Amino acid sequence: MGRFAFGFVLVALLTSAAGAADKPMRFWNLTSDTIVDFRTAPAGTGDFGPNQCANDRDGAVDHDERLRITGIAPGRYDAKLTFKDGRVCTVRNIEIRDGAVFAIEDKDLTECSK
């Protein structure tokens, strides 16, 4: 009976891990404005990658919309957001996990310029 229980737990853990890997990383825009350019860089590097808004059908991420994030590995990132009105903000040290949703809110926008 002990081997059966161990096997069941092992299969359950592997199945849940595989399920998380199948889900995309997604950004949830909880700011009050539309984002037209969203880029990530490994935390502290300033090496920002391509515009993730290209992954959206209309090329922008409205308030309360989610955006699929591609081409990066899980880890800590800085994000550069450009809003429809031209304001540019950087949010530092965001944890992005495999298969998870991460959000940015207005209160996170502390480094902005226009």
PDB file of N, CA and C in Angstrom:
ATOM      1  N   MET A   1       0.824  -1.200   0.000  1.00  0.00           N
ATOM      2  CA  MET A   1       0.000   0.000   0.000  1.00  0.00           C
ATOM      3  C   MET A   1       0.867   1.262   0.000  1.00  0.00           C
ATOM      4  N   GLY A   2       2.013   1.246   0.711  1.00  0.00           N
ATOM      5  CA  GLY A   2       2.903   2.397   0.788  1.00  0.00           C
ATOM      6  C   GLY A   2       3.467   2.766  -0.569  1.00  0.00           C
ATOM      7  N   ARG A   3       3.825   1.770  -1.365  1.00  0.00           N
ATOM      8  CA  ARG A   3       4.361   2.051  -2.702  1.00  0.00           C
ATOM      9  C   ARG A   3       3.304   2.673  -3.597  1.00  0.00           C
ATOM     10  N   PHE A   4       2.068   2.204  -3.465  1.00  0.00           N
ATOM     11  CA  PHE A   4       0.972   2.752  -4.257  1.00  0.00           C
ATOM     12  C   PHE A   4       0.768   4.234  -3.921  1.00  0.00           C
ATOM     13  N   ALA A   5       0.761   4.571  -2.644  1.00  0.00           N
ATOM     14  CA  ALA A   5       0.564   5.958  -2.213  1.00  0.00           C
ATOM     15  C   ALA A   5       1.720   6.826  -2.708  1.00  0.00           C
ATOM     16  N   PHE A   6       2.946   6.349  -2.601  1.00  0.00           N
ATOM     17  CA  PHE A   6       4.099   7.095  -3.072  1.00  0.00           C
ATOM     18  C   PHE A   6       4.002   7.330  -4.577  1.00  0.00           C
ATOM     19  N   GLY A   7       3.639   6.294  -5.316  1.00  0.00           N
ATOM     20  CA  GLY A   7       3.496   6.407  -6.774  1.00  0.00           C
ATOM     21  C   GLY A   7       2.416   7.401  -7.155  1.00  0.00           C
ATOM     22  N   PHE A   8       1.315   7.376  -6.418  1.00  0.00           N
ATOM     23  CA  PHE A   8       0.219   8.303  -6.688  1.00  0.00           C
ATOM     24  C   PHE A   8       0.665   9.748  -6.454  1.00  0.00           C
ATOM     25  N   VAL A   9       1.362  10.000  -5.347  1.00  0.00           N
ATOM     26  CA  VAL A   9       1.850  11.340  -5.039  1.00  0.00           C
ATOM     27  C   VAL A   9       2.856  11.798  -6.100  1.00  0.00           C
ATOM     28  N   LEU A  10       3.738  10.918  -6.522  1.00  0.00           N
ATOM     29  CA  LEU A  10       4.728  11.251  -7.540  1.00  0.00           C
ATOM     30  C   LEU A  10       4.052  11.621  -8.855  1.00  0.00           C
ATOM     31  N   VAL A  11       3.072  10.849  -9.287  1.00  0.00           N
ATOM     32  CA  VAL A  11       2.352  11.143 -10.528  1.00  0.00           C
ATOM     33  C   VAL A  11       1.608  12.471 -10.405  1.00  0.00           C
ATOM     34  N   ALA A  12       1.000  12.736  -9.272  1.00  0.00           N
ATOM     35  CA  ALA A  12       0.272  13.989  -9.066  1.00  0.00           C
ATOM     36  C   ALA A  12       1.219  15.187  -9.146  1.00  0.00           C
ATOM     37  N   LEU A  13       2.391  15.076  -8.543  1.00  0.00           N
ATOM     38  CA  LEU A  13       3.359  16.171  -8.592  1.00  0.00           C
ATOM     39  C   LEU A  13       3.863  16.411 -10.011  1.00  0.00           C
ATOM     40  N   LEU A  14       4.154  15.364 -10.721  1.00  0.00           N
ATOM     41  CA  LEU A  14       4.633  15.507 -12.098  1.00  0.00           C
ATOM     42  C   LEU A  14       3.562  16.101 -13.000  1.00  0.00           C
ATOM     43  N   THR A  15       2.331  15.691 -12.800  1.00  0.00           N
ATOM     44  CA  THR A  15       1.227  16.199 -13.605  1.00  0.00           C
ATOM     45  C   THR A  15       1.020  17.688 -13.354  1.00  0.00           C
ATOM     46  N   SER A  16       1.076  18.122 -12.091  1.00  0.00           N
ATOM     47  CA  SER A  16       0.879  19.537 -11.803  1.00  0.00           C
ATOM     48  C   SER A  16       2.034  20.374 -12.333  1.00  0.00           C
ATOM     49  N   ALA A  17       3.243  19.870 -12.272  1.00  0.00           N
ATOM     50  CA  ALA A  17       4.396  20.590 -12.818  1.00  0.00           C
ATOM     51  C   ALA A  17       4.285  20.713 -14.327  1.00  0.00           C
ATOM     52  N   ALA A  18       3.861  19.653 -14.980  1.00  0.00           N
ATOM     53  CA  ALA A  18       3.697  19.694 -16.433  1.00  0.00           C
ATOM     54  C   ALA A  18       2.589  20.668 -16.819  1.00  0.00           C
ATOM     55  N   GLY A  19       1.525  20.726 -16.038  1.00  0.00           N
ATOM     56  CA  GLY A  19       0.423  21.646 -16.309  1.00  0.00           C
ATOM     57  C   GLY A  19       0.867  23.093 -16.221  1.00  0.00           C
ATOM     58  N   ALA A  20       1.700  23.435 -15.230  1.00  0.00           N
ATOM     59  CA  ALA A  20       2.190  24.802 -15.090  1.00  0.00           C
ATOM     60  C   ALA A  20       3.077  25.181 -16.264  1.00  0.00           C
ATOM     61  N   ALA A  21       3.859  24.235 -16.754  1.00  0.00           N
ATOM     62  CA  ALA A  21       4.741  24.511 -17.885  1.00  0.00           C
ATOM     63  C   ALA A  21       3.948  24.770 -19.158  1.00  0.00           C
ATOM     64  N   ASP A  22       2.737  24.239 -19.257  1.00  0.00           N
ATOM     65  CA  ASP A  22       1.909  24.442 -20.435  1.00  0.00           C
ATOM     66  C   ASP A  22       1.255  25.825 -20.458  1.00  0.00           C
ATOM     67  N   LYS A  23       1.116  26.458 -19.299  1.00  0.00           N
ATOM     68  CA  LYS A  23       0.482  27.764 -19.228  1.00  0.00           C
ATOM     69  C   LYS A  23       1.516  28.842 -19.566  1.00  0.00           C
ATOM     70  N   PRO A  24       1.094  29.853 -20.310  1.00  0.00           N
ATOM     71  CA  PRO A  24       2.038  30.922 -20.654  1.00  0.00           C
ATOM     72  C   PRO A  24       2.239  31.885 -19.483  1.00  0.00           C
ATOM     73  N   MET A  25       3.364  32.572 -19.496  1.00  0.00           N
ATOM     74  CA  MET A  25       3.561  33.691 -18.575  1.00  0.00           C
ATOM     75  C   MET A  25       2.700  34.819 -19.102  1.00  0.00           C
ATOM     76  N   ARG A  26       2.013  35.507 -18.193  1.00  0.00           N
ATOM     77  CA  ARG A  26       1.154  36.596 -18.647  1.00  0.00           C
ATOM     78  C   ARG A  26       1.285  37.806 -17.737  1.00  0.00           C
ATOM     79  N   PHE A  27       1.196  38.990 -18.351  1.00  0.00           N
ATOM     80  CA  PHE A  27       1.194  40.262 -17.655  1.00  0.00           C
ATOM     81  C   PHE A  27      -0.245  40.752 -17.575  1.00  0.00           C
ATOM     82  N   TRP A  28      -0.644  41.239 -16.395  1.00  0.00           N
ATOM     83  CA  TRP A  28      -1.987  41.762 -16.178  1.00  0.00           C
ATOM     84  C   TRP A  28      -1.865  43.263 -15.933  1.00  0.00           C
ATOM     85  N   ASN A  29      -2.393  44.055 -16.843  1.00  0.00           N
ATOM     86  CA  ASN A  29      -2.318  45.517 -16.741  1.00  0.00           C
ATOM     87  C   ASN A  29      -3.381  46.021 -15.776  1.00  0.00           C
ATOM     88  N   LEU A  30      -2.950  46.318 -14.558  1.00  0.00           N
ATOM     89  CA  LEU A  30      -3.854  46.891 -13.571  1.00  0.00           C
ATOM     90  C   LEU A  30      -3.604  48.382 -13.378  1.00  0.00           C
ATOM     91  N   THR A  31      -2.893  48.995 -14.343  1.00  0.00           N
ATOM     92  CA  THR A  31      -2.757  50.450 -14.333  1.00  0.00           C
ATOM     93  C   THR A  31      -4.042  51.022 -14.919  1.00  0.00           C
ATOM     94  N   SER A  32      -4.199  52.322 -14.790  1.00  0.00           N
ATOM     95  CA  SER A  32      -5.431  52.943 -15.288  1.00  0.00           C
ATOM     96  C   SER A  32      -5.333  53.360 -16.755  1.00  0.00           C
ATOM     97  N   ASP A  33      -4.186  53.071 -17.407  1.00  0.00           N
ATOM     98  CA  ASP A  33      -3.981  53.516 -18.786  1.00  0.00           C
ATOM     99  C   ASP A  33      -3.621  52.355 -19.717  1.00  0.00           C
ATOM    100  N   THR A  34      -3.721  52.632 -21.019  1.00  0.00           N
ATOM    101  CA  THR A  34      -3.359  51.656 -22.050  1.00  0.00           C
ATOM    102  C   THR A  34      -1.857  51.680 -22.288  1.00  0.00           C
ATOM    103  N   ILE A  35      -1.254  50.503 -22.335  1.00  0.00           N
ATOM    104  CA  ILE A  35       0.181  50.357 -22.581  1.00  0.00           C
ATOM    105  C   ILE A  35       0.373  49.993 -24.049  1.00  0.00           C
ATOM    106  N   VAL A  36       1.265  50.727 -24.737  1.00  0.00           N
ATOM    107  CA  VAL A  36       1.517  50.463 -26.163  1.00  0.00           C
ATOM    108  C   VAL A  36       2.893  49.846 -26.400  1.00  0.00           C
ATOM    109  N   ASP A  37       3.750  49.837 -25.377  1.00  0.00           N
ATOM    110  CA  ASP A  37       5.074  49.228 -25.488  1.00  0.00           C
ATOM    111  C   ASP A  37       5.430  48.662 -24.116  1.00  0.00           C
ATOM    112  N   PHE A  38       5.726  47.372 -24.057  1.00  0.00           N
ATOM    113  CA  PHE A  38       6.061  46.697 -22.803  1.00  0.00           C
ATOM    114  C   PHE A  38       7.296  45.845 -23.053  1.00  0.00           C
ATOM    115  N   ARG A  39       8.392  46.181 -22.375  1.00  0.00           N
ATOM    116  CA  ARG A  39       9.657  45.473 -22.577  1.00  0.00           C
ATOM    117  C   ARG A  39      10.214  45.028 -21.234  1.00  0.00           C
ATOM    118  N   THR A  40      10.935  43.906 -21.237  1.00  0.00           N
ATOM    119  CA  THR A  40      11.558  43.410 -20.010  1.00  0.00           C
ATOM    120  C   THR A  40      13.069  43.304 -20.203  1.00  0.00           C
ATOM    121  N   ALA A  41      13.771  43.420 -19.068  1.00  0.00           N
ATOM    122  CA  ALA A  41      15.231  43.248 -19.039  1.00  0.00           C
ATOM    123  C   ALA A  41      15.564  42.494 -17.761  1.00  0.00           C
ATOM    124  N   PRO A  42      16.528  41.586 -17.808  1.00  0.00           N
ATOM    125  CA  PRO A  42      16.953  40.965 -16.550  1.00  0.00           C
ATOM    126  C   PRO A  42      17.243  42.075 -15.529  1.00  0.00           C
ATOM    127  N   ALA A  43      16.768  41.903 -14.300  1.00  0.00           N
ATOM    128  CA  ALA A  43      16.849  42.943 -13.275  1.00  0.00           C
ATOM    129  C   ALA A  43      18.240  43.559 -13.192  1.00  0.00           C
ATOM    130  N   GLY A  44      18.284  44.885 -13.256  1.00  0.00           N
ATOM    131  CA  GLY A  44      19.517  45.633 -13.091  1.00  0.00           C
ATOM    132  C   GLY A  44      20.394  45.766 -14.326  1.00  0.00           C
ATOM    133  N   THR A  45      20.000  45.171 -15.466  1.00  0.00           N
ATOM    134  CA  THR A  45      20.877  45.187 -16.641  1.00  0.00           C
ATOM    135  C   THR A  45      20.596  46.324 -17.614  1.00  0.00           C
ATOM    136  N   GLY A  46      19.357  46.773 -17.719  1.00  0.00           N
ATOM    137  CA  GLY A  46      19.000  47.784 -18.712  1.00  0.00           C
ATOM    138  C   GLY A  46      18.970  47.251 -20.129  1.00  0.00           C
ATOM    139  N   ASP A  47      19.091  45.941 -20.299  1.00  0.00           N
ATOM    140  CA  ASP A  47      19.121  45.290 -21.615  1.00  0.00           C
ATOM    141  C   ASP A  47      17.700  44.853 -21.990  1.00  0.00           C
ATOM    142  N   PHE A  48      16.859  45.827 -22.368  1.00  0.00           N
ATOM    143  CA  PHE A  48      15.450  45.552 -22.635  1.00  0.00           C
ATOM    144  C   PHE A  48      15.266  44.843 -23.971  1.00  0.00           C
ATOM    145  N   GLY A  49      14.404  43.861 -23.966  1.00  0.00           N
ATOM    146  CA  GLY A  49      14.128  43.059 -25.145  1.00  0.00           C
ATOM    147  C   GLY A  49      13.037  43.657 -26.005  1.00  0.00           C
ATOM    148  N   PRO A  50      12.455  42.828 -26.879  1.00  0.00           N
ATOM    149  CA  PRO A  50      11.444  43.304 -27.827  1.00  0.00           C
ATOM    150  C   PRO A  50      10.135  43.715 -27.141  1.00  0.00           C
ATOM    151  N   ASN A  51       9.355  44.473 -27.881  1.00  0.00           N
ATOM    152  CA  ASN A  51       8.060  44.942 -27.407  1.00  0.00           C
ATOM    153  C   ASN A  51       7.081  43.769 -27.314  1.00  0.00           C
ATOM    154  N   GLN A  52       6.708  43.410 -26.098  1.00  0.00           N
ATOM    155  CA  GLN A  52       5.781  42.301 -25.886  1.00  0.00           C
ATOM    156  C   GLN A  52       4.360  42.636 -26.355  1.00  0.00           C
ATOM    157  N   CYS A  53       4.043  43.926 -26.522  1.00  0.00           N
ATOM    158  CA  CYS A  53       2.716  44.298 -27.015  1.00  0.00           C
ATOM    159  C   CYS A  53       2.466  43.758 -28.420  1.00  0.00           C
ATOM    160  N   ALA A  54       3.527  43.388 -29.118  1.00  0.00           N
ATOM    161  CA  ALA A  54       3.377  42.772 -30.442  1.00  0.00           C
ATOM    162  C   ALA A  54       2.656  41.429 -30.336  1.00  0.00           C
ATOM    163  N   ASN A  55       2.588  40.856 -29.134  1.00  0.00           N
ATOM    164  CA  ASN A  55       1.885  39.587 -28.922  1.00  0.00           C
ATOM    165  C   ASN A  55       0.375  39.769 -28.826  1.00  0.00           C
ATOM    166  N   ASP A  56      -0.093  41.005 -28.800  1.00  0.00           N
ATOM    167  CA  ASP A  56      -1.524  41.292 -28.682  1.00  0.00           C
ATOM    168  C   ASP A  56      -2.095  41.631 -30.052  1.00  0.00           C
ATOM    169  N   ARG A  57      -3.334  41.255 -30.282  1.00  0.00           N
ATOM    170  CA  ARG A  57      -3.957  41.481 -31.596  1.00  0.00           C
ATOM    171  C   ARG A  57      -3.966  42.942 -32.017  1.00  0.00           C
ATOM    172  N   ASP A  58      -4.261  43.849 -31.069  1.00  0.00           N
ATOM    173  CA  ASP A  58      -4.314  45.266 -31.445  1.00  0.00           C
ATOM    174  C   ASP A  58      -3.038  46.022 -31.076  1.00  0.00           C
ATOM    175  N   GLY A  59      -2.016  45.318 -30.588  1.00  0.00           N
ATOM    176  CA  GLY A  59      -0.729  45.933 -30.299  1.00  0.00           C
ATOM    177  C   GLY A  59      -0.702  46.803 -29.063  1.00  0.00           C
ATOM    178  N   ALA A  60      -1.701  46.671 -28.206  1.00  0.00           N
ATOM    179  CA  ALA A  60      -1.766  47.468 -26.980  1.00  0.00           C
ATOM    180  C   ALA A  60      -2.410  46.639 -25.880  1.00  0.00           C
ATOM    181  N   VAL A  61      -2.146  47.029 -24.635  1.00  0.00           N
ATOM    182  CA  VAL A  61      -2.714  46.318 -23.488  1.00  0.00           C
ATOM    183  C   VAL A  61      -3.548  47.322 -22.694  1.00  0.00           C
ATOM    184  N   ASP A  62      -4.851  47.184 -22.791  1.00  0.00           N
ATOM    185  CA  ASP A  62      -5.759  48.079 -22.088  1.00  0.00           C
ATOM    186  C   ASP A  62      -5.802  47.749 -20.598  1.00  0.00           C
ATOM    187  N   HIS A  63      -6.394  48.671 -19.820  1.00  0.00           N
ATOM    188  CA  HIS A  63      -6.602  48.430 -18.394  1.00  0.00           C
ATOM    189  C   HIS A  63      -7.355  47.105 -18.206  1.00  0.00           C
ATOM    190  N   ASP A  64      -6.902  46.296 -17.278  1.00  0.00           N
ATOM    191  CA  ASP A  64      -7.512  45.010 -16.915  1.00  0.00           C
ATOM    192  C   ASP A  64      -7.389  43.947 -18.013  1.00  0.00           C
ATOM    193  N   GLU A  65      -6.513  44.159 -18.962  1.00  0.00           N
ATOM    194  CA  GLU A  65      -6.258  43.160 -20.011  1.00  0.00           C
ATOM    195  C   GLU A  65      -4.985  42.396 -19.661  1.00  0.00           C
ATOM    196  N   ARG A  66      -4.919  41.154 -20.103  1.00  0.00           N
ATOM    197  CA  ARG A  66      -3.731  40.324 -19.891  1.00  0.00           C
ATOM    198  C   ARG A  66      -2.993  40.138 -21.212  1.00  0.00           C
ATOM    199  N   LEU A  67      -1.669  40.055 -21.098  1.00  0.00           N
ATOM    200  CA  LEU A  67      -0.804  39.949 -22.266  1.00  0.00           C
ATOM    201  C   LEU A  67       0.109  38.746 -22.114  1.00  0.00           C
ATOM    202  N   ARG A  68       0.159  37.922 -23.128  1.00  0.00           N
ATOM    203  CA  ARG A  68       1.069  36.769 -23.136  1.00  0.00           C
ATOM    204  C   ARG A  68       2.509  37.275 -23.282  1.00  0.00           C
ATOM    205  N   ILE A  69       3.401  36.774 -22.418  1.00  0.00           N
ATOM    206  CA  ILE A  69       4.811  37.154 -22.440  1.00  0.00           C
ATOM    207  C   ILE A  69       5.598  36.004 -23.050  1.00  0.00           C
ATOM    208  N   THR A  70       6.417  36.294 -24.042  1.00  0.00           N
ATOM    209  CA  THR A  70       7.176  35.248 -24.734  1.00  0.00           C
ATOM    210  C   THR A  70       8.659  35.602 -24.779  1.00  0.00           C
ATOM    211  N   GLY A  71       9.475  34.589 -25.001  1.00  0.00           N
ATOM    212  CA  GLY A  71      10.894  34.796 -25.249  1.00  0.00           C
ATOM    213  C   GLY A  71      11.747  35.072 -24.032  1.00  0.00           C
ATOM    214  N   ILE A  72      11.220  34.874 -22.832  1.00  0.00           N
ATOM    215  CA  ILE A  72      12.022  35.067 -21.624  1.00  0.00           C
ATOM    216  C   ILE A  72      11.874  33.856 -20.720  1.00  0.00           C
ATOM    217  N   ALA A  73      12.849  33.655 -19.860  1.00  0.00           N
ATOM    218  CA  ALA A  73      12.811  32.575 -18.869  1.00  0.00           C
ATOM    219  C   ALA A  73      12.286  33.137 -17.550  1.00  0.00           C
ATOM    220  N   PRO A  74      11.750  32.297 -16.694  1.00  0.00           N
ATOM    221  CA  PRO A  74      11.329  32.774 -15.371  1.00  0.00           C
ATOM    222  C   PRO A  74      12.508  33.422 -14.648  1.00  0.00           C
ATOM    223  N   GLY A  75      12.212  34.444 -13.855  1.00  0.00           N
ATOM    224  CA  GLY A  75      13.258  35.125 -13.099  1.00  0.00           C
ATOM    225  C   GLY A  75      12.815  36.505 -12.662  1.00  0.00           C
ATOM    226  N   ARG A  76      13.771  37.326 -12.284  1.00  0.00           N
ATOM    227  CA  ARG A  76      13.510  38.710 -11.840  1.00  0.00           C
ATOM    228  C   ARG A  76      13.854  39.654 -12.985  1.00  0.00           C
ATOM    229  N   TYR A  77      12.927  40.564 -13.262  1.00  0.00           N
ATOM    230  CA  TYR A  77      13.053  41.469 -14.396  1.00  0.00           C
ATOM    231  C   TYR A  77      12.695  42.898 -14.025  1.00  0.00           C
ATOM    232  N   ASP A  78      13.242  43.834 -14.791  1.00  0.00           N
ATOM    233  CA  ASP A  78      12.774  45.209 -14.801  1.00  0.00           C
ATOM    234  C   ASP A  78      11.868  45.317 -16.020  1.00  0.00           C
ATOM    235  N   ALA A  79      10.819  46.121 -15.907  1.00  0.00           N
ATOM    236  CA  ALA A  79       9.893  46.308 -17.024  1.00  0.00           C
ATOM    237  C   ALA A  79       9.845  47.781 -17.395  1.00  0.00           C
ATOM    238  N   LYS A  80       9.845  48.052 -18.694  1.00  0.00           N
ATOM    239  CA  LYS A  80       9.682  49.417 -19.190  1.00  0.00           C
ATOM    240  C   LYS A  80       8.355  49.468 -19.926  1.00  0.00           C
ATOM    241  N   LEU A  81       7.487  50.370 -19.474  1.00  0.00           N
ATOM    242  CA  LEU A  81       6.152  50.507 -20.029  1.00  0.00           C
ATOM    243  C   LEU A  81       6.012  51.875 -20.678  1.00  0.00           C
ATOM    244  N   THR A  82       5.496  51.903 -21.887  1.00  0.00           N
ATOM    245  CA  THR A  82       5.175  53.167 -22.546  1.00  0.00           C
ATOM    246  C   THR A  82       3.664  53.210 -22.705  1.00  0.00           C
ATOM    247  N   PHE A  83       3.074  54.287 -22.202  1.00  0.00           N
ATOM    248  CA  PHE A  83       1.627  54.427 -22.242  1.00  0.00           C
ATOM    249  C   PHE A  83       1.187  55.190 -23.480  1.00  0.00           C
ATOM    250  N   LYS A  84      -0.078  55.067 -23.789  1.00  0.00           N
ATOM    251  CA  LYS A  84      -0.658  55.690 -24.980  1.00  0.00           C
ATOM    252  C   LYS A  84      -0.415  57.200 -25.013  1.00  0.00           C
ATOM    253  N   ASP A  85      -0.340  57.843 -23.844  1.00  0.00           N
ATOM    254  CA  ASP A  85      -0.126  59.290 -23.779  1.00  0.00           C
ATOM    255  C   ASP A  85       1.353  59.684 -23.883  1.00  0.00           C
ATOM    256  N   GLY A  86       2.264  58.692 -24.049  1.00  0.00           N
ATOM    257  CA  GLY A  86       3.686  58.968 -24.202  1.00  0.00           C
ATOM    258  C   GLY A  86       4.504  58.848 -22.927  1.00  0.00           C
ATOM    259  N   ARG A  87       3.845  58.697 -21.792  1.00  0.00           N
ATOM    260  CA  ARG A  87       4.562  58.534 -20.521  1.00  0.00           C
ATOM    261  C   ARG A  87       5.300  57.207 -20.520  1.00  0.00           C
ATOM    262  N   VAL A  88       6.548  57.212 -20.024  1.00  0.00           N
ATOM    263  CA  VAL A  88       7.370  56.003 -19.947  1.00  0.00           C
ATOM    264  C   VAL A  88       7.701  55.751 -18.481  1.00  0.00           C
ATOM    265  N   CYS A  89       7.451  54.528 -18.015  1.00  0.00           N
ATOM    266  CA  CYS A  89       7.726  54.162 -16.630  1.00  0.00           C
ATOM    267  C   CYS A  89       8.552  52.884 -16.589  1.00  0.00           C
ATOM    268  N   THR A  90       9.415  52.804 -15.582  1.00  0.00           N
ATOM    269  CA  THR A  90      10.190  51.591 -15.346  1.00  0.00           C
ATOM    270  C   THR A  90       9.796  51.042 -13.986  1.00  0.00           C
ATOM    271  N   VAL A  91       9.509  49.761 -13.943  1.00  0.00           N
ATOM    272  CA  VAL A  91       9.191  49.060 -12.695  1.00  0.00           C
ATOM    273  C   VAL A  91      10.285  48.030 -12.497  1.00  0.00           C
ATOM    274  N   ARG A  92      10.911  48.068 -11.353  1.00  0.00           N
ATOM    275  CA  ARG A  92      12.094  47.234 -11.113  1.00  0.00           C
ATOM    276  C   ARG A  92      11.800  45.985 -10.284  1.00  0.00           C
ATOM    277  N   ASN A  93      12.597  44.960 -10.592  1.00  0.00           N
ATOM    278  CA  ASN A  93      12.658  43.731  -9.790  1.00  0.00           C
ATOM    279  C   ASN A  93      11.324  43.000  -9.666  1.00  0.00           C
ATOM    280  N   ILE A  94      10.697  42.744 -10.788  1.00  0.00           N
ATOM    281  CA  ILE A  94       9.435  42.003 -10.831  1.00  0.00           C
ATOM    282  C   ILE A  94       9.761  40.517 -10.938  1.00  0.00           C
ATOM    283  N   GLU A  95       9.096  39.707 -10.153  1.00  0.00           N
ATOM    284  CA  GLU A  95       9.283  38.266 -10.271  1.00  0.00           C
ATOM    285  C   GLU A  95       8.309  37.729 -11.313  1.00  0.00           C
ATOM    286  N   ILE A  96       8.856  37.071 -12.324  1.00  0.00           N
ATOM    287  CA  ILE A  96       8.041  36.454 -13.368  1.00  0.00           C
ATOM    288  C   ILE A  96       8.261  34.949 -13.270  1.00  0.00           C
ATOM    289  N   ARG A  97       7.166  34.228 -12.989  1.00  0.00           N
ATOM    290  CA  ARG A  97       7.246  32.774 -12.804  1.00  0.00           C
ATOM    291  C   ARG A  97       6.615  32.052 -13.982  1.00  0.00           C
ATOM    292  N   ASP A  98       7.119  30.869 -14.241  1.00  0.00           N
ATOM    293  CA  ASP A  98       6.620  30.041 -15.332  1.00  0.00           C
ATOM    294  C   ASP A  98       5.146  29.719 -15.111  1.00  0.00           C
ATOM    295  N   GLY A  99       4.319  29.958 -16.108  1.00  0.00           N
ATOM    296  CA  GLY A  99       2.907  29.623 -16.047  1.00  0.00           C
ATOM    297  C   GLY A  99       2.084  30.512 -15.142  1.00  0.00           C
ATOM    298  N   ALA A 100       2.632  31.648 -14.704  1.00  0.00           N
ATOM    299  CA  ALA A 100       1.926  32.506 -13.758  1.00  0.00           C
ATOM    300  C   ALA A 100       1.591  33.861 -14.384  1.00  0.00           C
ATOM    301  N   VAL A 101       0.697  34.567 -13.714  1.00  0.00           N
ATOM    302  CA  VAL A 101       0.317  35.921 -14.100  1.00  0.00           C
ATOM    303  C   VAL A 101       0.969  36.886 -13.118  1.00  0.00           C
ATOM    304  N   PHE A 102       1.596  37.947 -13.633  1.00  0.00           N
ATOM    305  CA  PHE A 102       2.115  39.000 -12.773  1.00  0.00           C
ATOM    306  C   PHE A 102       1.437  40.301 -13.170  1.00  0.00           C
ATOM    307  N   ALA A 103       1.241  41.175 -12.200  1.00  0.00           N
ATOM    308  CA  ALA A 103       0.505  42.410 -12.440  1.00  0.00           C
ATOM    309  C   ALA A 103       1.348  43.626 -12.099  1.00  0.00           C
ATOM    310  N   ILE A 104       1.043  44.724 -12.773  1.00  0.00           N
ATOM    311  CA  ILE A 104       1.602  46.027 -12.433  1.00  0.00           C
ATOM    312  C   ILE A 104       0.415  46.963 -12.245  1.00  0.00           C
ATOM    313  N   GLU A 105       0.440  47.697 -11.123  1.00  0.00           N
ATOM    314  CA  GLU A 105      -0.625  48.625 -10.771  1.00  0.00           C
ATOM    315  C   GLU A 105      -0.082  50.050 -10.775  1.00  0.00           C
ATOM    316  N   ASP A 106      -0.980  51.033 -10.708  1.00  0.00           N
ATOM    317  CA  ASP A 106      -0.565  52.437 -10.677  1.00  0.00           C
ATOM    318  C   ASP A 106       0.408  52.699  -9.536  1.00  0.00           C
ATOM    319  N   LYS A 107       0.208  52.090  -8.390  1.00  0.00           N
ATOM    320  CA  LYS A 107       1.085  52.322  -7.236  1.00  0.00           C
ATOM    321  C   LYS A 107       2.528  51.853  -7.486  1.00  0.00           C
ATOM    322  N   ASP A 108       2.743  50.968  -8.466  1.00  0.00           N
ATOM    323  CA  ASP A 108       4.079  50.469  -8.805  1.00  0.00           C
ATOM    324  C   ASP A 108       4.839  51.439  -9.706  1.00  0.00           C
ATOM    325  N   LEU A 109       4.168  52.419 -10.265  1.00  0.00           N
ATOM    326  CA  LEU A 109       4.760  53.340 -11.248  1.00  0.00           C
ATOM    327  C   LEU A 109       5.436  54.504 -10.539  1.00  0.00           C
ATOM    328  N   THR A 110       6.662  54.277 -10.071  1.00  0.00           N
ATOM    329  CA  THR A 110       7.367  55.298  -9.301  1.00  0.00           C
ATOM    330  C   THR A 110       8.476  55.969 -10.112  1.00  0.00           C
ATOM    331  N   GLU A 111       8.933  55.361 -11.192  1.00  0.00           N
ATOM    332  CA  GLU A 111       9.989  55.935 -12.049  1.00  0.00           C
ATOM    333  C   GLU A 111       9.389  56.241 -13.414  1.00  0.00           C
ATOM    334  N   CYS A 112       8.859  57.459 -13.571  1.00  0.00           N
ATOM    335  CA  CYS A 112       8.195  57.800 -14.824  1.00  0.00           C
ATOM    336  C   CYS A 112       8.695  59.127 -15.385  1.00  0.00           C
ATOM    337  N   SER A 113       8.621  59.243 -16.710  1.00  0.00           N
ATOM    338  CA  SER A 113       8.961  60.494 -17.396  1.00  0.00           C
ATOM    339  C   SER A 113       8.049  60.640 -18.604  1.00  0.00           C
ATOM    340  N   LYS A 114       7.992  61.840 -19.112  1.00  0.00           N
ATOM    341  CA  LYS A 114       7.151  62.063 -20.292  1.00  0.00           C
ATOM    342  C   LYS A 114       7.926  62.730 -21.381  1.00  0.00           C
TER     343      LYS A 114
END
